[in-house]
C-alpha atoms as a PDB file:
ATOM      1  CA  MET A   1      84.783  35.310  11.705  1.00  0.00           C
ATOM      2  CA  GLU A   2      82.669  35.244  14.862  1.00  0.00           C
ATOM      3  CA  CYS A   3      83.869  34.232  18.329  1.00  0.00           C
ATOM      4  CA  LYS A   4      82.419  30.706  17.979  1.00  0.00           C
ATOM      5  CA  ASP A   5      84.475  30.186  14.825  1.00  0.00           C
ATOM      6  CA  TYR A   6      87.695  31.091  16.663  1.00  0.00           C
ATOM      7  CA  ARG A   7      86.784  28.921  19.665  1.00  0.00           C
ATOM      8  CA  GLU A   8      86.353  25.912  17.373  1.00  0.00           C
ATOM      9  CA  GLN A   9      90.030  26.262  16.462  1.00  0.00           C
ATOM     10  CA  PHE A  10      91.401  26.371  20.031  1.00  0.00           C
ATOM     11  CA  THR A  11      92.256  22.667  20.004  1.00  0.00           C
ATOM     12  CA  ALA A  12      94.120  23.046  16.706  1.00  0.00           C
ATOM     13  CA  LEU A  13      96.033  25.996  18.182  1.00  0.00           C
ATOM     14  CA  LEU A  14      96.985  24.025  21.292  1.00  0.00           C
ATOM     15  CA  SER A  15      98.101  21.016  19.246  1.00  0.00           C
ATOM     16  CA  ASP A  16     100.152  23.282  16.980  1.00  0.00           C
ATOM     17  CA  SER A  17      98.368  22.142  13.821  1.00  0.00           C
ATOM     18  CA  LEU A  18      97.582  25.574  12.368  1.00  0.00           C
ATOM     19  CA  ASN A  19      99.622  27.375   9.764  1.00  0.00           C
ATOM     20  CA  GLN A  20     101.281  30.692  10.619  1.00  0.00           C
ATOM     21  CA  LYS A  21      98.573  32.867   9.089  1.00  0.00           C
ATOM     22  CA  GLN A  22      95.777  31.118  11.008  1.00  0.00           C
ATOM     23  CA  ARG A  23      97.756  31.260  14.256  1.00  0.00           C
ATOM     24  CA  ILE A  24      98.389  35.008  13.935  1.00  0.00           C
ATOM     25  CA  GLU A  25      94.718  35.657  13.142  1.00  0.00           C
ATOM     26  CA  ILE A  26      93.563  33.823  16.291  1.00  0.00           C
ATOM     27  CA  GLU A  27      96.176  35.505  18.485  1.00  0.00           C
ATOM     28  CA  ILE A  28      95.058  38.939  17.260  1.00  0.00           C
ATOM     29  CA  HIS A  29      91.446  38.034  18.111  1.00  0.00           C
ATOM     30  CA  LEU A  30      92.414  36.762  21.572  1.00  0.00           C
ATOM     31  CA  ALA A  31      94.250  39.995  22.269  1.00  0.00           C
ATOM     32  CA  GLY A  32      91.088  42.014  21.658  1.00  0.00           C
ATOM     33  CA  CYS A  33      88.413  39.643  23.075  1.00  0.00           C
ATOM     34  CA  ALA A  34      88.418  39.047  26.838  1.00  0.00           C
ATOM     35  CA  ASP A  35      85.755  36.289  26.715  1.00  0.00           C
ATOM     36  CA  CYS A  36      87.585  34.237  24.115  1.00  0.00           C
ATOM     37  CA  ARG A  37      90.904  34.811  25.914  1.00  0.00           C
ATOM     38  CA  LYS A  38      89.432  33.445  29.184  1.00  0.00           C
ATOM     39  CA  GLU A  39      87.953  30.399  27.417  1.00  0.00           C
ATOM     40  CA  PHE A  40      91.262  29.730  25.688  1.00  0.00           C
ATOM     41  CA  GLU A  41      93.129  29.871  29.029  1.00  0.00           C
ATOM     42  CA  ASP A  42      90.680  27.366  30.500  1.00  0.00           C
ATOM     43  CA  ALA A  43      91.144  25.122  27.485  1.00  0.00           C
ATOM     44  CA  ARG A  44      94.944  25.351  27.821  1.00  0.00           C
ATOM     45  CA  THR A  45      94.759  24.406  31.534  1.00  0.00           C
ATOM     46  CA  ILE A  46      92.748  21.265  30.673  1.00  0.00           C
ATOM     47  CA  TRP A  47      95.147  20.492  27.831  1.00  0.00           C
ATOM     48  CA  ASP A  48      98.151  20.718  30.137  1.00  0.00           C
ATOM     49  CA  LEU A  49      96.482  18.493  32.742  1.00  0.00           C
ATOM     50  CA  MET A  50      95.746  15.883  30.093  1.00  0.00           C
ATOM     51  CA  GLY A  51      99.402  15.882  29.183  1.00  0.00           C
ATOM     52  CA  GLU A  52     100.322  14.985  32.779  1.00  0.00           C
ATOM     53  CA  ILE A  53      98.114  11.873  32.851  1.00  0.00           C
ATOM     54  CA  PRO A  54     100.358   8.802  32.614  1.00  0.00           C
ATOM     55  CA  GLN A  55      99.775   6.613  29.569  1.00  0.00           C
ATOM     56  CA  PRO A  56      98.889   3.025  30.521  1.00  0.00           C
ATOM     57  CA  GLU A  57     101.206   0.343  29.223  1.00  0.00           C
ATOM     58  CA  PRO A  58      99.562  -2.668  27.530  1.00  0.00           C
ATOM     59  CA  SER A  59      99.624  -5.880  29.538  1.00  0.00           C
ATOM     60  CA  ALA A  60     101.658  -8.855  28.373  1.00  0.00           C
ATOM     61  CA  ARG A  61      98.449 -10.717  27.447  1.00  0.00           C
ATOM     62  CA  MET A  62      97.186  -7.809  25.386  1.00  0.00           C
ATOM     63  CA  GLN A  63     100.543  -7.496  23.635  1.00  0.00           C
ATOM     64  CA  ASN A  64     100.564 -11.207  22.788  1.00  0.00           C
ATOM     65  CA  SER A  65      97.012 -11.021  21.401  1.00  0.00           C
ATOM     66  CA  PHE A  66      97.982  -8.065  19.263  1.00  0.00           C
ATOM     67  CA  ASP A  67     101.082  -9.839  17.980  1.00  0.00           C
ATOM     68  CA  VAL A  68      99.039 -12.913  17.005  1.00  0.00           C
ATOM     69  CA  MET A  69      96.456 -10.770  15.238  1.00  0.00           C
ATOM     70  CA  LEU A  70      99.168  -8.877  13.377  1.00  0.00           C
ATOM     71  CA  ALA A  71     100.885 -12.127  12.334  1.00  0.00           C
ATOM     72  CA  ASN A  72      97.590 -13.527  10.994  1.00  0.00           C
ATOM     73  CA  PHE A  73      96.939 -10.367   9.033  1.00  0.00           C
ATOM     74  CA  LYS A  74     100.421 -10.446   7.496  1.00  0.00           C
ATOM     75  CA  GLU A  75      99.919 -14.089   6.524  1.00  0.00           C
ATOM     76  CA  GLU A  76      96.619 -13.276   4.793  1.00  0.00           C
ATOM     77  CA  VAL A  77      98.283 -10.456   2.873  1.00  0.00           C
ATOM     78  CA  ARG A  78     101.175 -12.736   1.877  1.00  0.00           C
ATOM     79  CA  VAL A  79      98.799 -15.407   0.578  1.00  0.00           C
ATOM     80  CA  LYS A  80      96.821 -12.869  -1.447  1.00  0.00           C
ATOM     81  CA  VAL A  81      99.994 -11.477  -2.990  1.00  0.00           C
ATOM     82  CA  LYS A  82     101.268 -14.920  -3.917  1.00  0.00           C
ATOM     83  CA  ARG A  83      97.920 -16.093  -5.271  1.00  0.00           C
ATOM     84  CA  ASN A  84      98.016 -16.735  -8.988  1.00  0.00           C
ATOM     85  CA  PRO A  85      95.645 -14.284 -10.716  1.00  0.00           C
ATOM     86  CA  VAL A  86      95.426 -16.536 -13.784  1.00  0.00           C
ATOM     87  CA  GLY A  87      94.251 -19.395 -11.584  1.00  0.00           C
ATOM     88  CA  GLU A  88      91.591 -17.163 -10.031  1.00  0.00           C
ATOM     89  CA  TRP A  89      90.243 -16.224 -13.440  1.00  0.00           C
ATOM     90  CA  LEU A  90      90.157 -19.879 -14.460  1.00  0.00           C
ATOM     91  CA  ASN A  91      88.187 -20.723 -11.324  1.00  0.00           C
ATOM     92  CA  ARG A  92      85.713 -17.978 -12.077  1.00  0.00           C
ATOM     93  CA  ILE A  93      85.287 -19.271 -15.614  1.00  0.00           C
ATOM     94  CA  ARG A  94      84.694 -22.783 -14.275  1.00  0.00           C
ATOM     95  CA  GLU A  95      82.017 -21.438 -11.906  1.00  0.00           C
ATOM     96  CA  TYR A  96      80.346 -19.559 -14.750  1.00  0.00           C
ATOM     97  CA  TRP A  97      80.409 -22.640 -16.955  1.00  0.00           C
ATOM     98  CA  SER A  98      77.360 -24.056 -15.198  1.00  0.00           C
ATOM     99  CA  LEU A  99      74.389 -25.833 -16.728  1.00  0.00           C
ATOM    100  CA  GLN A 100      72.586 -22.563 -17.309  1.00  0.00           C
ATOM    101  CA  ALA A 101      75.603 -20.613 -18.493  1.00  0.00           C
ATOM    102  CA  GLN A 102      76.569 -23.145 -21.176  1.00  0.00           C
ATOM    103  CA  PRO A 103      73.605 -22.585 -23.512  1.00  0.00           C
ATOM    104  CA  ARG A 104      73.813 -18.813 -23.071  1.00  0.00           C
ATOM    105  CA  LEU A 105      77.476 -18.732 -23.937  1.00  0.00           C
ATOM    106  CA  ALA A 106      77.032 -21.196 -26.772  1.00  0.00           C
ATOM    107  CA  PHE A 107      74.200 -19.101 -28.174  1.00  0.00           C
ATOM    108  CA  SER A 108      76.362 -15.968 -28.064  1.00  0.00           C
ATOM    109  CA  LEU A 109      79.240 -17.759 -29.773  1.00  0.00           C
ATOM    110  CA  LEU A 110      76.942 -19.105 -32.463  1.00  0.00           C
ATOM    111  CA  LEU A 111      75.602 -15.623 -33.186  1.00  0.00           C
ATOM    112  CA  VAL A 112      79.171 -14.389 -33.612  1.00  0.00           C
ATOM    113  CA  ALA A 113      79.927 -17.332 -35.887  1.00  0.00           C
ATOM    114  CA  ALA A 114      76.775 -16.643 -37.885  1.00  0.00           C
ATOM    115  CA  GLY A 115      77.818 -13.040 -38.378  1.00  0.00           C
ATOM    116  CA  LEU A 116      81.304 -14.030 -39.513  1.00  0.00           C
ATOM    117  CA  MET A 117      79.943 -16.678 -41.848  1.00  0.00           C
ATOM    118  CA  GLY A 118      77.393 -14.271 -43.294  1.00  0.00           C
ATOM    119  CA  GLY A 119      80.094 -11.664 -43.924  1.00  0.00           C
ATOM    120  CA  TYR A 120      82.321 -14.254 -45.543  1.00  0.00           C
ATOM    121  CA  LEU A 121      79.585 -15.510 -47.862  1.00  0.00           C
ATOM    122  CA  LEU A 122      78.576 -12.022 -48.913  1.00  0.00           C
ATOM    123  CA  HIS A 123      82.120 -11.428 -50.159  1.00  0.00           C
ATOM    124  CA  GLN A 124      82.307 -14.637 -52.161  1.00  0.00           C
ATOM    125  CA  PRO A 125      80.828 -13.808 -55.584  1.00  0.00           C
ATOM    126  CA  ALA A 126      81.631 -17.305 -56.844  1.00  0.00           C
ATOM    127  CA  LYS A 127      79.170 -18.833 -54.404  1.00  0.00           C
ATOM    128  CA  SER A 128      75.795 -19.545 -55.937  1.00  0.00           C
ATOM    129  CA  ALA A 129      72.603 -18.155 -54.468  1.00  0.00           C
ATOM    130  CA  ILE A 130      71.440 -21.678 -53.662  1.00  0.00           C
ATOM    131  CA  SER A 131      74.572 -22.477 -51.693  1.00  0.00           C
ATOM    132  CA  TYR A 132      74.300 -19.188 -49.853  1.00  0.00           C
ATOM    133  CA  ASN A 133      70.673 -19.820 -48.902  1.00  0.00           C
ATOM    134  CA  LYS A 134      71.524 -23.298 -47.668  1.00  0.00           C
ATOM    135  CA  GLN A 135      74.230 -21.900 -45.426  1.00  0.00           C
ATOM    136  CA  ILE A 136      71.872 -19.271 -44.021  1.00  0.00           C
ATOM    137  CA  ASP A 137      69.119 -21.847 -43.450  1.00  0.00           C
ATOM    138  CA  SER A 138      71.588 -24.104 -41.663  1.00  0.00           C
ATOM    139  CA  LEU A 139      72.748 -21.305 -39.391  1.00  0.00           C
ATOM    140  CA  SER A 140      69.168 -20.223 -38.680  1.00  0.00           C
ATOM    141  CA  SER A 141      68.282 -23.780 -37.741  1.00  0.00           C
ATOM    142  CA  GLN A 142      71.228 -24.016 -35.359  1.00  0.00           C
ATOM    143  CA  VAL A 143      70.331 -20.677 -33.753  1.00  0.00           C
ATOM    144  CA  SER A 144      66.743 -21.868 -33.296  1.00  0.00           C
ATOM    145  CA  GLN A 145      67.928 -25.120 -31.715  1.00  0.00           C
ATOM    146  CA  LEU A 146      70.177 -23.262 -29.303  1.00  0.00           C
ATOM    147  CA  LYS A 147      67.314 -20.966 -28.344  1.00  0.00           C
ATOM    148  CA  GLN A 148      65.267 -24.052 -27.516  1.00  0.00           C
ATOM    149  CA  VAL A 149      68.096 -25.425 -25.363  1.00  0.00           C
ATOM    150  CA  MET A 150      68.431 -22.071 -23.658  1.00  0.00           C
ATOM    151  CA  MET A 151      64.689 -21.874 -23.042  1.00  0.00           C
ATOM    152  CA  LEU A 152      64.532 -25.370 -21.545  1.00  0.00           C
ATOM    153  CA  SER A 153      67.462 -24.523 -19.288  1.00  0.00           C
ATOM    154  CA  LEU A 154      65.983 -21.242 -18.041  1.00  0.00           C
ATOM    155  CA  LEU A 155      62.573 -22.781 -17.340  1.00  0.00           C
ATOM    156  CA  SER A 156      64.154 -24.567 -14.381  1.00  0.00           C
ATOM    157  CA  ASP A 157      65.835 -21.406 -13.084  1.00  0.00           C
ATOM    158  CA  PRO A 158      64.869 -20.493  -9.476  1.00  0.00           C
ATOM    159  CA  SER A 159      64.326 -16.886 -10.558  1.00  0.00           C
ATOM    160  CA  ALA A 160      60.798 -16.108 -11.804  1.00  0.00           C
ATOM    161  CA  SER A 161      62.144 -13.338 -14.052  1.00  0.00           C
ATOM    162  CA  GLN A 162      64.469 -15.820 -15.755  1.00  0.00           C
ATOM    163  CA  ARG A 163      61.594 -18.256 -16.298  1.00  0.00           C
ATOM    164  CA  MET A 164      59.569 -15.402 -17.798  1.00  0.00           C
ATOM    165  CA  ARG A 165      62.489 -14.705 -20.085  1.00  0.00           C
ATOM    166  CA  ALA A 166      62.583 -18.373 -21.090  1.00  0.00           C
ATOM    167  CA  VAL A 167      58.908 -18.314 -22.040  1.00  0.00           C
ATOM    168  CA  SER A 168      59.485 -15.218 -24.194  1.00  0.00           C
ATOM    169  CA  TYR A 169      61.997 -17.158 -26.307  1.00  0.00           C
ATOM    170  CA  THR A 170      59.117 -19.035 -27.965  1.00  0.00           C
ATOM    171  CA  ASP A 171      58.609 -15.946 -30.155  1.00  0.00           C
ATOM    172  CA  GLU A 172      62.151 -16.347 -31.476  1.00  0.00           C
ATOM    173  CA  ILE A 173      62.044 -20.100 -32.164  1.00  0.00           C
ATOM    174  CA  SER A 174      61.181 -20.833 -35.777  1.00  0.00           C
ATOM    175  CA  LYS A 175      59.886 -24.341 -35.142  1.00  0.00           C
ATOM    176  CA  VAL A 176      58.814 -25.422 -31.674  1.00  0.00           C
ATOM    177  CA  ASP A 177      59.109 -29.173 -31.118  1.00  0.00           C
ATOM    178  CA  LEU A 178      57.092 -31.407 -28.787  1.00  0.00           C
ATOM    179  CA  LYS A 179      59.777 -31.284 -26.128  1.00  0.00           C
ATOM    180  CA  VAL A 180      59.436 -27.510 -25.836  1.00  0.00           C
ATOM    181  CA  ILE A 181      55.645 -27.722 -25.872  1.00  0.00           C
ATOM    182  CA  GLY A 182      55.776 -30.292 -23.074  1.00  0.00           C
ATOM    183  CA  ALA A 183      58.064 -28.017 -21.024  1.00  0.00           C
ATOM    184  CA  LEU A 184      55.665 -25.108 -21.536  1.00  0.00           C
ATOM    185  CA  PHE A 185      52.728 -27.161 -20.297  1.00  0.00           C
ATOM    186  CA  THR A 186      54.727 -28.269 -17.263  1.00  0.00           C
ATOM    187  CA  THR A 187      55.291 -24.588 -16.504  1.00  0.00           C
ATOM    188  CA  LEU A 188      51.658 -23.684 -17.188  1.00  0.00           C
ATOM    189  CA  ASN A 189      50.350 -26.342 -14.813  1.00  0.00           C
ATOM    190  CA  GLY A 190      52.961 -26.288 -12.075  1.00  0.00           C
ATOM    191  CA  ASP A 191      54.998 -23.080 -11.895  1.00  0.00           C
ATOM    192  CA  PRO A 192      54.709 -21.476  -8.418  1.00  0.00           C
ATOM    193  CA  ASN A 193      54.554 -17.962  -9.894  1.00  0.00           C
ATOM    194  CA  VAL A 194      51.192 -16.973 -11.383  1.00  0.00           C
ATOM    195  CA  ASN A 195      52.779 -14.331 -13.622  1.00  0.00           C
ATOM    196  CA  VAL A 196      55.032 -16.945 -15.205  1.00  0.00           C
ATOM    197  CA  ARG A 197      52.001 -19.170 -15.784  1.00  0.00           C
ATOM    198  CA  LEU A 198      50.046 -16.318 -17.386  1.00  0.00           C
ATOM    199  CA  ALA A 199      52.969 -15.571 -19.701  1.00  0.00           C
ATOM    200  CA  THR A 200      53.179 -19.263 -20.574  1.00  0.00           C
ATOM    201  CA  LEU A 201      49.482 -19.327 -21.428  1.00  0.00           C
ATOM    202  CA  GLU A 202      50.012 -16.409 -23.812  1.00  0.00           C
ATOM    203  CA  ALA A 203      52.947 -18.211 -25.424  1.00  0.00           C
ATOM    204  CA  LEU A 204      50.906 -21.392 -25.908  1.00  0.00           C
ATOM    205  CA  LEU A 205      48.056 -19.442 -27.464  1.00  0.00           C
ATOM    206  CA  LYS A 206      50.461 -18.369 -30.207  1.00  0.00           C
ATOM    207  CA  LEU A 207      51.147 -22.064 -30.882  1.00  0.00           C
ATOM    208  CA  ALA A 208      47.463 -23.035 -30.899  1.00  0.00           C
ATOM    209  CA  ALA A 209      47.578 -23.977 -34.585  1.00  0.00           C
ATOM    210  CA  GLU A 210      49.136 -27.230 -33.318  1.00  0.00           C
ATOM    211  CA  PRO A 211      46.291 -29.624 -32.324  1.00  0.00           C
ATOM    212  CA  LYS A 212      48.305 -31.010 -29.400  1.00  0.00           C
ATOM    213  CA  VAL A 213      48.571 -27.516 -27.949  1.00  0.00           C
ATOM    214  CA  ARG A 214      44.794 -27.014 -28.065  1.00  0.00           C
ATOM    215  CA  GLU A 215      44.259 -30.432 -26.457  1.00  0.00           C
ATOM    216  CA  GLY A 216      46.782 -29.601 -23.743  1.00  0.00           C
ATOM    217  CA  LEU A 217      45.103 -26.278 -22.986  1.00  0.00           C
ATOM    218  CA  VAL A 218      41.738 -28.001 -22.526  1.00  0.00           C
ATOM    219  CA  ARG A 219      43.296 -30.547 -20.145  1.00  0.00           C
ATOM    220  CA  SER A 220      44.946 -27.721 -18.191  1.00  0.00           C
ATOM    221  CA  ILE A 221      41.553 -26.261 -17.220  1.00  0.00           C
ATOM    222  CA  ASP A 222      41.059 -28.964 -14.584  1.00  0.00           C
ATOM    223  CA  LEU A 223      44.533 -28.299 -13.122  1.00  0.00           C
ATOM    224  CA  GLN A 224      44.211 -24.588 -12.440  1.00  0.00           C
ATOM    225  CA  GLU A 225      43.686 -23.472  -8.829  1.00  0.00           C
ATOM    226  CA  GLU A 226      44.604 -19.768  -9.022  1.00  0.00           C
ATOM    227  CA  PRO A 227      41.569 -17.521  -9.732  1.00  0.00           C
ATOM    228  CA  MET A 228      43.592 -15.437 -12.195  1.00  0.00           C
ATOM    229  CA  MET A 229      44.609 -18.557 -14.121  1.00  0.00           C
ATOM    230  CA  GLN A 230      41.076 -19.982 -14.085  1.00  0.00           C
ATOM    231  CA  SER A 231      39.683 -16.774 -15.525  1.00  0.00           C
ATOM    232  CA  ALA A 232      42.515 -16.375 -18.039  1.00  0.00           C
ATOM    233  CA  ILE A 233      42.228 -19.899 -19.415  1.00  0.00           C
ATOM    234  CA  ALA A 234      38.455 -19.472 -19.802  1.00  0.00           C
ATOM    235  CA  ASP A 235      39.119 -16.317 -21.843  1.00  0.00           C
ATOM    236  CA  ALA A 236      41.664 -18.282 -23.880  1.00  0.00           C
ATOM    237  CA  MET A 237      39.083 -20.918 -24.764  1.00  0.00           C
ATOM    238  CA  VAL A 238      36.743 -18.201 -26.009  1.00  0.00           C
ATOM    239  CA  LYS A 239      39.540 -16.631 -28.024  1.00  0.00           C
ATOM    240  CA  LEU A 240      40.279 -19.995 -29.657  1.00  0.00           C
ATOM    241  CA  GLN A 241      36.583 -20.843 -29.900  1.00  0.00           C
ATOM    242  CA  GLU A 242      37.511 -24.247 -28.466  1.00  0.00           C
ATOM    243  CA  LYS A 243      34.071 -25.804 -27.985  1.00  0.00           C
ATOM    244  CA  SER A 244      35.578 -29.024 -26.640  1.00  0.00           C
ATOM    245  CA  SER A 245      36.499 -27.067 -23.487  1.00  0.00           C
ATOM    246  CA  VAL A 246      32.889 -26.589 -22.393  1.00  0.00           C
ATOM    247  CA  GLY A 247      32.860 -29.807 -20.346  1.00  0.00           C
ATOM    248  CA  SER A 248      36.060 -28.858 -18.529  1.00  0.00           C
ATOM    249  CA  LEU A 249      34.768 -25.355 -17.841  1.00  0.00           C
ATOM    250  CA  GLN A 250      31.545 -26.766 -16.431  1.00  0.00           C
ATOM    251  CA  ARG A 251      33.553 -29.009 -14.098  1.00  0.00           C
ATOM    252  CA  LEU A 252      35.500 -25.947 -13.026  1.00  0.00           C
ATOM    253  CA  LEU A 253      32.187 -24.282 -12.094  1.00  0.00           C
ATOM    254  CA  ASN A 254      31.495 -27.148  -9.700  1.00  0.00           C
ATOM    255  CA  LYS A 255      34.744 -26.636  -7.796  1.00  0.00           C
ATOM    256  CA  LYS A 256      34.182 -25.836  -4.152  1.00  0.00           C
ATOM    257  CA  GLY A 257      35.202 -22.328  -3.108  1.00  0.00           C
ATOM    258  CA  LEU A 258      35.422 -20.987  -6.669  1.00  0.00           C
ATOM    259  CA  ASN A 259      35.889 -17.214  -6.715  1.00  0.00           C
ATOM    260  CA  LYS A 260      32.591 -15.431  -7.458  1.00  0.00           C
ATOM    261  CA  MET A 261      34.056 -13.171 -10.130  1.00  0.00           C
ATOM    262  CA  VAL A 262      35.736 -16.156 -11.765  1.00  0.00           C
ATOM    263  CA  ARG A 263      32.445 -18.040 -11.680  1.00  0.00           C
ATOM    264  CA  VAL A 264      30.682 -15.212 -13.501  1.00  0.00           C
ATOM    265  CA  ASN A 265      33.434 -15.035 -16.127  1.00  0.00           C
ATOM    266  CA  ILE A 266      33.386 -18.803 -16.731  1.00  0.00           C
ATOM    267  CA  GLU A 267      29.604 -18.804 -17.099  1.00  0.00           C
ATOM    268  CA  LYS A 268      29.892 -16.040 -19.704  1.00  0.00           C
ATOM    269  CA  SER A 269      32.652 -17.981 -21.482  1.00  0.00           C
ATOM    270  CA  ILE A 270      30.507 -21.100 -21.675  1.00  0.00           C
ATOM    271  CA  GLN A 271      27.632 -19.076 -23.115  1.00  0.00           C
ATOM    272  CA  LYS A 272      29.955 -17.755 -25.827  1.00  0.00           C
ATOM    273  CA  LEU A 273      31.142 -21.267 -26.701  1.00  0.00           C
ATOM    274  CA  ILE A 274      27.837 -23.098 -26.918  1.00  0.00           C
END
């Protein structure tokens, strides 16, 4: 070791916190190094002077404050120890069992039930194929209904990512009813996040075989203010070849402050539709 390494251990030597081997090694170095020996003597002088400084006694006020703080801490520890862990878990479950958590949990439970039922039916050779298919259809219908409930619940979630997730559930719903379609149009026309609205537009395009969906998309043209949405819905009309949208697109062209790029895209869309 170098001198600086030994000097870093002077405090440990003075406080008697070194083992015997380390102590002997430093003492041997001090015996042969005058500079380190002088610095160690200076350090010992300061150490001895520090030991002579009287330690201040805490005032009565400080002692009382400390006692109160210590008593409060002990009380908190006592309460935590006595707290019923079962009760805490029940409270957590109650908090989780919120409006949004219910459909998620119910959906999970139904999937488990569907798996158990499917396994049971597969091992019942006496069951007819017709009965088996009816059971499967019934379970599929219930799963689809729960997905709709889950989607409707998540569409009102404050998180944009959760609303995006809700919109994606339309791909997993076997039969989308008018209530779900209405919720999708509410999202398309009023969601504060443009990405959620774009995803909703894509979801509605997949349902465009339903006349009410096509009618709703045409009505939505007049409600769009975001340039991205205006351009996207114009492209959607071209994709669907929805000629009844020409009037709405022309009204959109007359909107004050319309983005120039959007204007060009809408004009091209109209040309493709007429």
